[in-house]
Amino acid sequence: MVRFEWDPEKAGQNFKKHGVYFDEATTVFYDPLSATFADPDHSEGEQRLITVGVSAQGRLPVVAHTDRKDAVRIINARPATAHERKKHEG
């Protein structure tokens, strides 16, 4: 089972700004059709990744994260834009 971690203060700020809880963001990793991409523009000091997938709530969040030794660290989560949604849905 994958373990997730995040900064609680950042999670609260993220919800206020984007309306996505990090708890919901973790569920996109269990979507068999989720897609993960490298995020070189934001990979200073550690590789950052972007995962897009359908959450357990039926929404399509875009989740920025990094893989640590023993956990996935959630950095940011927001709703997909119309362009991202169209691209994901093919």
PDB file of N, CA and C in Angstrom:
ATOM      1  N   MET A   1       0.849  -1.184   0.000  1.00  0.00           N
ATOM      2  CA  MET A   1       0.000   0.000   0.000  1.00  0.00           C
ATOM      3  C   MET A   1       0.894   1.246   0.000  1.00  0.00           C
ATOM      4  N   VAL A   2       0.513   2.209  -0.762  1.00  0.00           N
ATOM      5  CA  VAL A   2       1.269   3.453  -0.863  1.00  0.00           C
ATOM      6  C   VAL A   2       0.970   4.326   0.354  1.00  0.00           C
ATOM      7  N   ARG A   3       2.015   4.936   0.896  1.00  0.00           N
ATOM      8  CA  ARG A   3       1.835   5.869   2.004  1.00  0.00           C
ATOM      9  C   ARG A   3       1.957   7.283   1.447  1.00  0.00           C
ATOM     10  N   PHE A   4       1.098   8.170   1.913  1.00  0.00           N
ATOM     11  CA  PHE A   4       1.103   9.564   1.466  1.00  0.00           C
ATOM     12  C   PHE A   4       1.439  10.473   2.636  1.00  0.00           C
ATOM     13  N   GLU A   5       2.081  11.602   2.313  1.00  0.00           N
ATOM     14  CA  GLU A   5       2.378  12.604   3.329  1.00  0.00           C
ATOM     15  C   GLU A   5       2.254  13.983   2.711  1.00  0.00           C
ATOM     16  N   TRP A   6       2.072  14.984   3.575  1.00  0.00           N
ATOM     17  CA  TRP A   6       2.009  16.373   3.126  1.00  0.00           C
ATOM     18  C   TRP A   6       2.129  17.282   4.334  1.00  0.00           C
ATOM     19  N   ASP A   7       2.370  18.531   4.046  1.00  0.00           N
ATOM     20  CA  ASP A   7       2.426  19.573   5.073  1.00  0.00           C
ATOM     21  C   ASP A   7       0.988  19.991   5.371  1.00  0.00           C
ATOM     22  N   PRO A   8       0.518  19.818   6.609  1.00  0.00           N
ATOM     23  CA  PRO A   8      -0.876  20.155   6.934  1.00  0.00           C
ATOM     24  C   PRO A   8      -1.227  21.619   6.665  1.00  0.00           C
ATOM     25  N   GLU A   9      -0.299  22.519   6.917  1.00  0.00           N
ATOM     26  CA  GLU A   9      -0.566  23.938   6.658  1.00  0.00           C
ATOM     27  C   GLU A   9      -0.741  24.179   5.159  1.00  0.00           C
ATOM     28  N   LYS A  10       0.126  23.571   4.365  1.00  0.00           N
ATOM     29  CA  LYS A  10       0.038  23.694   2.905  1.00  0.00           C
ATOM     30  C   LYS A  10      -1.280  23.090   2.406  1.00  0.00           C
ATOM     31  N   ALA A  11      -1.694  21.986   3.010  1.00  0.00           N
ATOM     32  CA  ALA A  11      -2.948  21.344   2.607  1.00  0.00           C
ATOM     33  C   ALA A  11      -4.136  22.274   2.827  1.00  0.00           C
ATOM     34  N   GLY A  12      -4.146  22.974   3.949  1.00  0.00           N
ATOM     35  CA  GLY A  12      -5.227  23.923   4.222  1.00  0.00           C
ATOM     36  C   GLY A  12      -5.233  25.076   3.245  1.00  0.00           C
ATOM     37  N   GLN A  13      -4.053  25.601   2.954  1.00  0.00           N
ATOM     38  CA  GLN A  13      -3.937  26.689   1.977  1.00  0.00           C
ATOM     39  C   GLN A  13      -4.378  26.216   0.596  1.00  0.00           C
ATOM     40  N   ASN A  14      -4.008  24.989   0.257  1.00  0.00           N
ATOM     41  CA  ASN A  14      -4.368  24.435  -1.042  1.00  0.00           C
ATOM     42  C   ASN A  14      -5.887  24.330  -1.184  1.00  0.00           C
ATOM     43  N   PHE A  15      -6.563  23.860  -0.121  1.00  0.00           N
ATOM     44  CA  PHE A  15      -8.017  23.740  -0.201  1.00  0.00           C
ATOM     45  C   PHE A  15      -8.667  25.107  -0.370  1.00  0.00           C
ATOM     46  N   LYS A  16      -8.193  26.092   0.373  1.00  0.00           N
ATOM     47  CA  LYS A  16      -8.757  27.436   0.247  1.00  0.00           C
ATOM     48  C   LYS A  16      -8.579  27.990  -1.157  1.00  0.00           C
ATOM     49  N   LYS A  17      -7.438  27.718  -1.768  1.00  0.00           N
ATOM     50  CA  LYS A  17      -7.139  28.262  -3.096  1.00  0.00           C
ATOM     51  C   LYS A  17      -7.781  27.459  -4.226  1.00  0.00           C
ATOM     52  N   HIS A  18      -7.741  26.120  -4.113  1.00  0.00           N
ATOM     53  CA  HIS A  18      -8.147  25.271  -5.239  1.00  0.00           C
ATOM     54  C   HIS A  18      -9.383  24.406  -4.984  1.00  0.00           C
ATOM     55  N   GLY A  19      -9.816  24.300  -3.724  1.00  0.00           N
ATOM     56  CA  GLY A  19     -10.997  23.494  -3.429  1.00  0.00           C
ATOM     57  C   GLY A  19     -10.781  21.997  -3.507  1.00  0.00           C
ATOM     58  N   VAL A  20      -9.531  21.560  -3.375  1.00  0.00           N
ATOM     59  CA  VAL A  20      -9.223  20.128  -3.413  1.00  0.00           C
ATOM     60  C   VAL A  20      -8.473  19.762  -2.134  1.00  0.00           C
ATOM     61  N   TYR A  21      -9.033  18.830  -1.367  1.00  0.00           N
ATOM     62  CA  TYR A  21      -8.344  18.314  -0.184  1.00  0.00           C
ATOM     63  C   TYR A  21      -7.257  17.338  -0.625  1.00  0.00           C
ATOM     64  N   PHE A  22      -6.155  17.311   0.099  1.00  0.00           N
ATOM     65  CA  PHE A  22      -5.093  16.362  -0.222  1.00  0.00           C
ATOM     66  C   PHE A  22      -5.558  14.923  -0.011  1.00  0.00           C
ATOM     67  N   ASP A  23      -6.490  14.687   0.923  1.00  0.00           N
ATOM     68  CA  ASP A  23      -7.049  13.337   1.087  1.00  0.00           C
ATOM     69  C   ASP A  23      -7.691  12.871  -0.220  1.00  0.00           C
ATOM     70  N   GLU A  24      -8.440  13.759  -0.863  1.00  0.00           N
ATOM     71  CA  GLU A  24      -9.041  13.415  -2.156  1.00  0.00           C
ATOM     72  C   GLU A  24      -7.957  13.205  -3.203  1.00  0.00           C
ATOM     73  N   ALA A  25      -6.924  14.039  -3.178  1.00  0.00           N
ATOM     74  CA  ALA A  25      -5.848  13.937  -4.167  1.00  0.00           C
ATOM     75  C   ALA A  25      -5.189  12.560  -4.145  1.00  0.00           C
ATOM     76  N   THR A  26      -5.081  11.955  -2.975  1.00  0.00           N
ATOM     77  CA  THR A  26      -4.432  10.638  -2.902  1.00  0.00           C
ATOM     78  C   THR A  26      -5.194   9.582  -3.688  1.00  0.00           C
ATOM     79  N   THR A  27      -6.490   9.764  -3.856  1.00  0.00           N
ATOM     80  CA  THR A  27      -7.294   8.731  -4.515  1.00  0.00           C
ATOM     81  C   THR A  27      -7.044   8.645  -6.013  1.00  0.00           C
ATOM     82  N   VAL A  28      -6.455   9.679  -6.630  1.00  0.00           N
ATOM     83  CA  VAL A  28      -6.180   9.602  -8.073  1.00  0.00           C
ATOM     84  C   VAL A  28      -5.127   8.544  -8.372  1.00  0.00           C
ATOM     85  N   PHE A  29      -4.292   8.209  -7.397  1.00  0.00           N
ATOM     86  CA  PHE A  29      -3.240   7.217  -7.613  1.00  0.00           C
ATOM     87  C   PHE A  29      -3.806   5.808  -7.749  1.00  0.00           C
ATOM     88  N   TYR A  30      -5.066   5.614  -7.379  1.00  0.00           N
ATOM     89  CA  TYR A  30      -5.724   4.316  -7.499  1.00  0.00           C
ATOM     90  C   TYR A  30      -6.597   4.225  -8.746  1.00  0.00           C
ATOM     91  N   ASP A  31      -6.636   5.284  -9.538  1.00  0.00           N
ATOM     92  CA  ASP A  31      -7.363   5.273 -10.809  1.00  0.00           C
ATOM     93  C   ASP A  31      -6.499   4.526 -11.822  1.00  0.00           C
ATOM     94  N   PRO A  32      -6.972   3.398 -12.358  1.00  0.00           N
ATOM     95  CA  PRO A  32      -6.149   2.640 -13.310  1.00  0.00           C
ATOM     96  C   PRO A  32      -5.855   3.407 -14.599  1.00  0.00           C
ATOM     97  N   LEU A  33      -6.607   4.460 -14.872  1.00  0.00           N
ATOM     98  CA  LEU A  33      -6.375   5.252 -16.082  1.00  0.00           C
ATOM     99  C   LEU A  33      -5.653   6.564 -15.784  1.00  0.00           C
ATOM    100  N   SER A  34      -5.140   6.714 -14.563  1.00  0.00           N
ATOM    101  CA  SER A  34      -4.396   7.940 -14.238  1.00  0.00           C
ATOM    102  C   SER A  34      -3.119   7.991 -15.071  1.00  0.00           C
ATOM    103  N   ALA A  35      -2.619   9.199 -15.268  1.00  0.00           N
ATOM    104  CA  ALA A  35      -1.388   9.401 -16.046  1.00  0.00           C
ATOM    105  C   ALA A  35      -0.429  10.247 -15.214  1.00  0.00           C
ATOM    106  N   THR A  36       0.840   9.852 -15.215  1.00  0.00           N
ATOM    107  CA  THR A  36       1.866  10.568 -14.461  1.00  0.00           C
ATOM    108  C   THR A  36       2.931  11.069 -15.418  1.00  0.00           C
ATOM    109  N   PHE A  37       3.317  12.331 -15.227  1.00  0.00           N
ATOM    110  CA  PHE A  37       4.306  12.982 -16.081  1.00  0.00           C
ATOM    111  C   PHE A  37       5.364  13.649 -15.220  1.00  0.00           C
ATOM    112  N   ALA A  38       6.567  13.748 -15.759  1.00  0.00           N
ATOM    113  CA  ALA A  38       7.626  14.512 -15.097  1.00  0.00           C
ATOM    114  C   ALA A  38       7.271  15.996 -15.149  1.00  0.00           C
ATOM    115  N   ASP A  39       7.716  16.740 -14.161  1.00  0.00           N
ATOM    116  CA  ASP A  39       7.490  18.189 -14.090  1.00  0.00           C
ATOM    117  C   ASP A  39       8.846  18.884 -13.958  1.00  0.00           C
ATOM    118  N   PRO A  40       9.626  18.906 -15.048  1.00  0.00           N
ATOM    119  CA  PRO A  40      10.987  19.457 -14.968  1.00  0.00           C
ATOM    120  C   PRO A  40      11.032  20.936 -14.603  1.00  0.00           C
ATOM    121  N   ASP A  41       9.985  21.687 -14.917  1.00  0.00           N
ATOM    122  CA  ASP A  41       9.970  23.120 -14.600  1.00  0.00           C
ATOM    123  C   ASP A  41       9.954  23.392 -13.097  1.00  0.00           C
ATOM    124  N   HIS A  42       9.521  22.414 -12.314  1.00  0.00           N
ATOM    125  CA  HIS A  42       9.428  22.595 -10.861  1.00  0.00           C
ATOM    126  C   HIS A  42      10.273  21.573 -10.100  1.00  0.00           C
ATOM    127  N   SER A  43      11.256  20.989 -10.768  1.00  0.00           N
ATOM    128  CA  SER A  43      12.079  19.943 -10.159  1.00  0.00           C
ATOM    129  C   SER A  43      13.443  20.470  -9.740  1.00  0.00           C
ATOM    130  N   GLU A  44      13.456  21.376  -8.787  1.00  0.00           N
ATOM    131  CA  GLU A  44      14.718  21.889  -8.260  1.00  0.00           C
ATOM    132  C   GLU A  44      15.067  21.121  -6.991  1.00  0.00           C
ATOM    133  N   GLY A  45      16.139  20.368  -7.034  1.00  0.00           N
ATOM    134  CA  GLY A  45      16.571  19.617  -5.865  1.00  0.00           C
ATOM    135  C   GLY A  45      15.945  18.246  -5.736  1.00  0.00           C
ATOM    136  N   GLU A  46      14.782  18.036  -6.316  1.00  0.00           N
ATOM    137  CA  GLU A  46      14.134  16.730  -6.304  1.00  0.00           C
ATOM    138  C   GLU A  46      13.203  16.643  -7.508  1.00  0.00           C
ATOM    139  N   GLN A  47      13.009  15.428  -8.002  1.00  0.00           N
ATOM    140  CA  GLN A  47      12.138  15.261  -9.161  1.00  0.00           C
ATOM    141  C   GLN A  47      10.681  15.417  -8.737  1.00  0.00           C
ATOM    142  N   ARG A  48       9.988  16.321  -9.399  1.00  0.00           N
ATOM    143  CA  ARG A  48       8.557  16.489  -9.160  1.00  0.00           C
ATOM    144  C   ARG A  48       7.785  15.851 -10.306  1.00  0.00           C
ATOM    145  N   LEU A  49       6.632  15.354  -9.959  1.00  0.00           N
ATOM    146  CA  LEU A  49       5.774  14.661 -10.909  1.00  0.00           C
ATOM    147  C   LEU A  49       4.373  15.256 -10.850  1.00  0.00           C
ATOM    148  N   ILE A  50       3.635  15.059 -11.938  1.00  0.00           N
ATOM    149  CA  ILE A  50       2.234  15.467 -12.025  1.00  0.00           C
ATOM    150  C   ILE A  50       1.424  14.214 -12.341  1.00  0.00           C
ATOM    151  N   THR A  51       0.391  13.964 -11.567  1.00  0.00           N
ATOM    152  CA  THR A  51      -0.514  12.854 -11.850  1.00  0.00           C
ATOM    153  C   THR A  51      -1.917  13.411 -12.023  1.00  0.00           C
ATOM    154  N   VAL A  52      -2.578  12.959 -13.081  1.00  0.00           N
ATOM    155  CA  VAL A  52      -3.955  13.352 -13.379  1.00  0.00           C
ATOM    156  C   VAL A  52      -4.788  12.081 -13.392  1.00  0.00           C
ATOM    157  N   GLY A  53      -5.885  12.097 -12.659  1.00  0.00           N
ATOM    158  CA  GLY A  53      -6.752  10.933 -12.640  1.00  0.00           C
ATOM    159  C   GLY A  53      -8.073  11.268 -11.975  1.00  0.00           C
ATOM    160  N   VAL A  54      -9.016  10.358 -12.109  1.00  0.00           N
ATOM    161  CA  VAL A  54     -10.333  10.547 -11.507  1.00  0.00           C
ATOM    162  C   VAL A  54     -10.236  10.187 -10.024  1.00  0.00           C
ATOM    163  N   SER A  55     -10.717  11.087  -9.180  1.00  0.00           N
ATOM    164  CA  SER A  55     -10.681  10.861  -7.730  1.00  0.00           C
ATOM    165  C   SER A  55     -11.868   9.997  -7.303  1.00  0.00           C
ATOM    166  N   ALA A  56     -11.845   9.569  -6.062  1.00  0.00           N
ATOM    167  CA  ALA A  56     -12.956   8.793  -5.507  1.00  0.00           C
ATOM    168  C   ALA A  56     -14.246   9.606  -5.486  1.00  0.00           C
ATOM    169  N   GLN A  57     -14.120  10.936  -5.541  1.00  0.00           N
ATOM    170  CA  GLN A  57     -15.287  11.818  -5.572  1.00  0.00           C
ATOM    171  C   GLN A  57     -15.761  12.083  -7.001  1.00  0.00           C
ATOM    172  N   GLY A  58     -15.122  11.459  -7.986  1.00  0.00           N
ATOM    173  CA  GLY A  58     -15.536  11.599  -9.377  1.00  0.00           C
ATOM    174  C   GLY A  58     -15.031  12.852 -10.061  1.00  0.00           C
ATOM    175  N   ARG A  59     -14.109  13.560  -9.415  1.00  0.00           N
ATOM    176  CA  ARG A  59     -13.530  14.762 -10.027  1.00  0.00           C
ATOM    177  C   ARG A  59     -12.198  14.402 -10.678  1.00  0.00           C
ATOM    178  N   LEU A  60     -11.629  15.349 -11.426  1.00  0.00           N
ATOM    179  CA  LEU A  60     -10.364  15.117 -12.126  1.00  0.00           C
ATOM    180  C   LEU A  60      -9.303  16.094 -11.618  1.00  0.00           C
ATOM    181  N   PRO A  61      -8.670  15.787 -10.485  1.00  0.00           N
ATOM    182  CA  PRO A  61      -7.620  16.668  -9.982  1.00  0.00           C
ATOM    183  C   PRO A  61      -6.289  16.460 -10.702  1.00  0.00           C
ATOM    184  N   VAL A  62      -5.500  17.521 -10.717  1.00  0.00           N
ATOM    185  CA  VAL A  62      -4.112  17.485 -11.170  1.00  0.00           C
ATOM    186  C   VAL A  62      -3.284  17.570  -9.896  1.00  0.00           C
ATOM    187  N   VAL A  63      -2.463  16.560  -9.645  1.00  0.00           N
ATOM    188  CA  VAL A  63      -1.741  16.453  -8.379  1.00  0.00           C
ATOM    189  C   VAL A  63      -0.238  16.555  -8.617  1.00  0.00           C
ATOM    190  N   ALA A  64       0.386  17.553  -8.006  1.00  0.00           N
ATOM    191  CA  ALA A  64       1.844  17.684  -8.037  1.00  0.00           C
ATOM    192  C   ALA A  64       2.390  16.951  -6.816  1.00  0.00           C
ATOM    193  N   HIS A  65       3.421  16.141  -7.042  1.00  0.00           N
ATOM    194  CA  HIS A  65       3.962  15.342  -5.936  1.00  0.00           C
ATOM    195  C   HIS A  65       5.406  14.969  -6.214  1.00  0.00           C
ATOM    196  N   THR A  66       6.031  14.430  -5.202  1.00  0.00           N
ATOM    197  CA  THR A  66       7.370  13.884  -5.341  1.00  0.00           C
ATOM    198  C   THR A  66       7.388  12.528  -4.659  1.00  0.00           C
ATOM    199  N   ASP A  67       8.175  11.620  -5.188  1.00  0.00           N
ATOM    200  CA  ASP A  67       8.295  10.296  -4.582  1.00  0.00           C
ATOM    201  C   ASP A  67       9.470  10.309  -3.621  1.00  0.00           C
ATOM    202  N   ARG A  68       9.189   9.989  -2.389  1.00  0.00           N
ATOM    203  CA  ARG A  68      10.229   9.863  -1.367  1.00  0.00           C
ATOM    204  C   ARG A  68      10.535   8.379  -1.183  1.00  0.00           C
ATOM    205  N   LYS A  69      11.493   8.074  -0.349  1.00  0.00           N
ATOM    206  CA  LYS A  69      11.872   6.676  -0.119  1.00  0.00           C
ATOM    207  C   LYS A  69      10.677   5.802   0.240  1.00  0.00           C
ATOM    208  N   ASP A  70       9.876   6.289   1.170  1.00  0.00           N
ATOM    209  CA  ASP A  70       8.804   5.454   1.698  1.00  0.00           C
ATOM    210  C   ASP A  70       7.414   6.068   1.565  1.00  0.00           C
ATOM    211  N   ALA A  71       7.308   7.145   0.777  1.00  0.00           N
ATOM    212  CA  ALA A  71       6.003   7.812   0.676  1.00  0.00           C
ATOM    213  C   ALA A  71       5.932   8.694  -0.565  1.00  0.00           C
ATOM    214  N   VAL A  72       4.714   8.990  -0.957  1.00  0.00           N
ATOM    215  CA  VAL A  72       4.453   9.994  -1.987  1.00  0.00           C
ATOM    216  C   VAL A  72       4.096  11.271  -1.237  1.00  0.00           C
ATOM    217  N   ARG A  73       4.837  12.336  -1.492  1.00  0.00           N
ATOM    218  CA  ARG A  73       4.571  13.619  -0.818  1.00  0.00           C
ATOM    219  C   ARG A  73       3.754  14.499  -1.753  1.00  0.00           C
ATOM    220  N   ILE A  74       2.534  14.835  -1.330  1.00  0.00           N
ATOM    221  CA  ILE A  74       1.646  15.699  -2.102  1.00  0.00           C
ATOM    222  C   ILE A  74       2.096  17.143  -1.898  1.00  0.00           C
ATOM    223  N   ILE A  75       2.273  17.859  -2.999  1.00  0.00           N
ATOM    224  CA  ILE A  75       2.723  19.247  -2.954  1.00  0.00           C
ATOM    225  C   ILE A  75       1.577  20.204  -3.260  1.00  0.00           C
ATOM    226  N   ASN A  76       0.742  19.824  -4.220  1.00  0.00           N
ATOM    227  CA  ASN A  76      -0.332  20.701  -4.680  1.00  0.00           C
ATOM    228  C   ASN A  76      -1.388  19.839  -5.352  1.00  0.00           C
ATOM    229  N   ALA A  77      -2.631  20.274  -5.313  1.00  0.00           N
ATOM    230  CA  ALA A  77      -3.711  19.594  -6.026  1.00  0.00           C
ATOM    231  C   ALA A  77      -4.745  20.634  -6.420  1.00  0.00           C
ATOM    232  N   ARG A  78      -5.192  20.536  -7.653  1.00  0.00           N
ATOM    233  CA  ARG A  78      -6.171  21.496  -8.162  1.00  0.00           C
ATOM    234  C   ARG A  78      -7.049  20.797  -9.186  1.00  0.00           C
ATOM    235  N   PRO A  79      -8.218  21.360  -9.475  1.00  0.00           N
ATOM    236  CA  PRO A  79      -9.053  20.778 -10.527  1.00  0.00           C
ATOM    237  C   PRO A  79      -8.371  20.921 -11.888  1.00  0.00           C
ATOM    238  N   ALA A  80      -8.570  19.950 -12.743  1.00  0.00           N
ATOM    239  CA  ALA A  80      -8.034  20.029 -14.103  1.00  0.00           C
ATOM    240  C   ALA A  80      -8.727  21.152 -14.864  1.00  0.00           C
ATOM    241  N   THR A  81      -7.969  21.810 -15.728  1.00  0.00           N
ATOM    242  CA  THR A  81      -8.559  22.813 -16.616  1.00  0.00           C
ATOM    243  C   THR A  81      -9.350  22.094 -17.703  1.00  0.00           C
ATOM    244  N   ALA A  82     -10.140  22.826 -18.455  1.00  0.00           N
ATOM    245  CA  ALA A  82     -10.902  22.230 -19.558  1.00  0.00           C
ATOM    246  C   ALA A  82      -9.956  21.573 -20.561  1.00  0.00           C
ATOM    247  N   HIS A  83      -8.837  22.212 -20.839  1.00  0.00           N
ATOM    248  CA  HIS A  83      -7.846  21.657 -21.772  1.00  0.00           C
ATOM    249  C   HIS A  83      -7.254  20.355 -21.221  1.00  0.00           C
ATOM    250  N   GLU A  84      -6.902  20.341 -19.939  1.00  0.00           N
ATOM    251  CA  GLU A  84      -6.339  19.135 -19.321  1.00  0.00           C
ATOM    252  C   GLU A  84      -7.369  18.015 -19.288  1.00  0.00           C
ATOM    253  N   ARG A  85      -8.617  18.362 -19.005  1.00  0.00           N
ATOM    254  CA  ARG A  85      -9.687  17.359 -18.973  1.00  0.00           C
ATOM    255  C   ARG A  85      -9.864  16.724 -20.354  1.00  0.00           C
ATOM    256  N   LYS A  86      -9.901  17.559 -21.385  1.00  0.00           N
ATOM    257  CA  LYS A  86     -10.075  17.058 -22.748  1.00  0.00           C
ATOM    258  C   LYS A  86      -8.911  16.153 -23.140  1.00  0.00           C
ATOM    259  N   LYS A  87      -7.700  16.563 -22.792  1.00  0.00           N
ATOM    260  CA  LYS A  87      -6.513  15.772 -23.108  1.00  0.00           C
ATOM    261  C   LYS A  87      -6.545  14.430 -22.376  1.00  0.00           C
ATOM    262  N   HIS A  88      -6.957  14.433 -21.117  1.00  0.00           N
ATOM    263  CA  HIS A  88      -7.004  13.199 -20.331  1.00  0.00           C
ATOM    264  C   HIS A  88      -8.082  12.250 -20.843  1.00  0.00           C
ATOM    265  N   GLU A  89      -9.209  12.811 -21.226  1.00  0.00           N
ATOM    266  CA  GLU A  89     -10.329  11.982 -21.670  1.00  0.00           C
ATOM    267  C   GLU A  89     -10.170  11.509 -23.106  1.00  0.00           C
ATOM    268  N   GLY A  90      -9.166  12.066 -23.799  1.00  0.00           N
ATOM    269  CA  GLY A  90      -8.859  11.631 -25.157  1.00  0.00           C
ATOM    270  C   GLY A  90      -9.836  12.119 -26.126  1.00  0.00           C
TER     271      GLY A  90
END
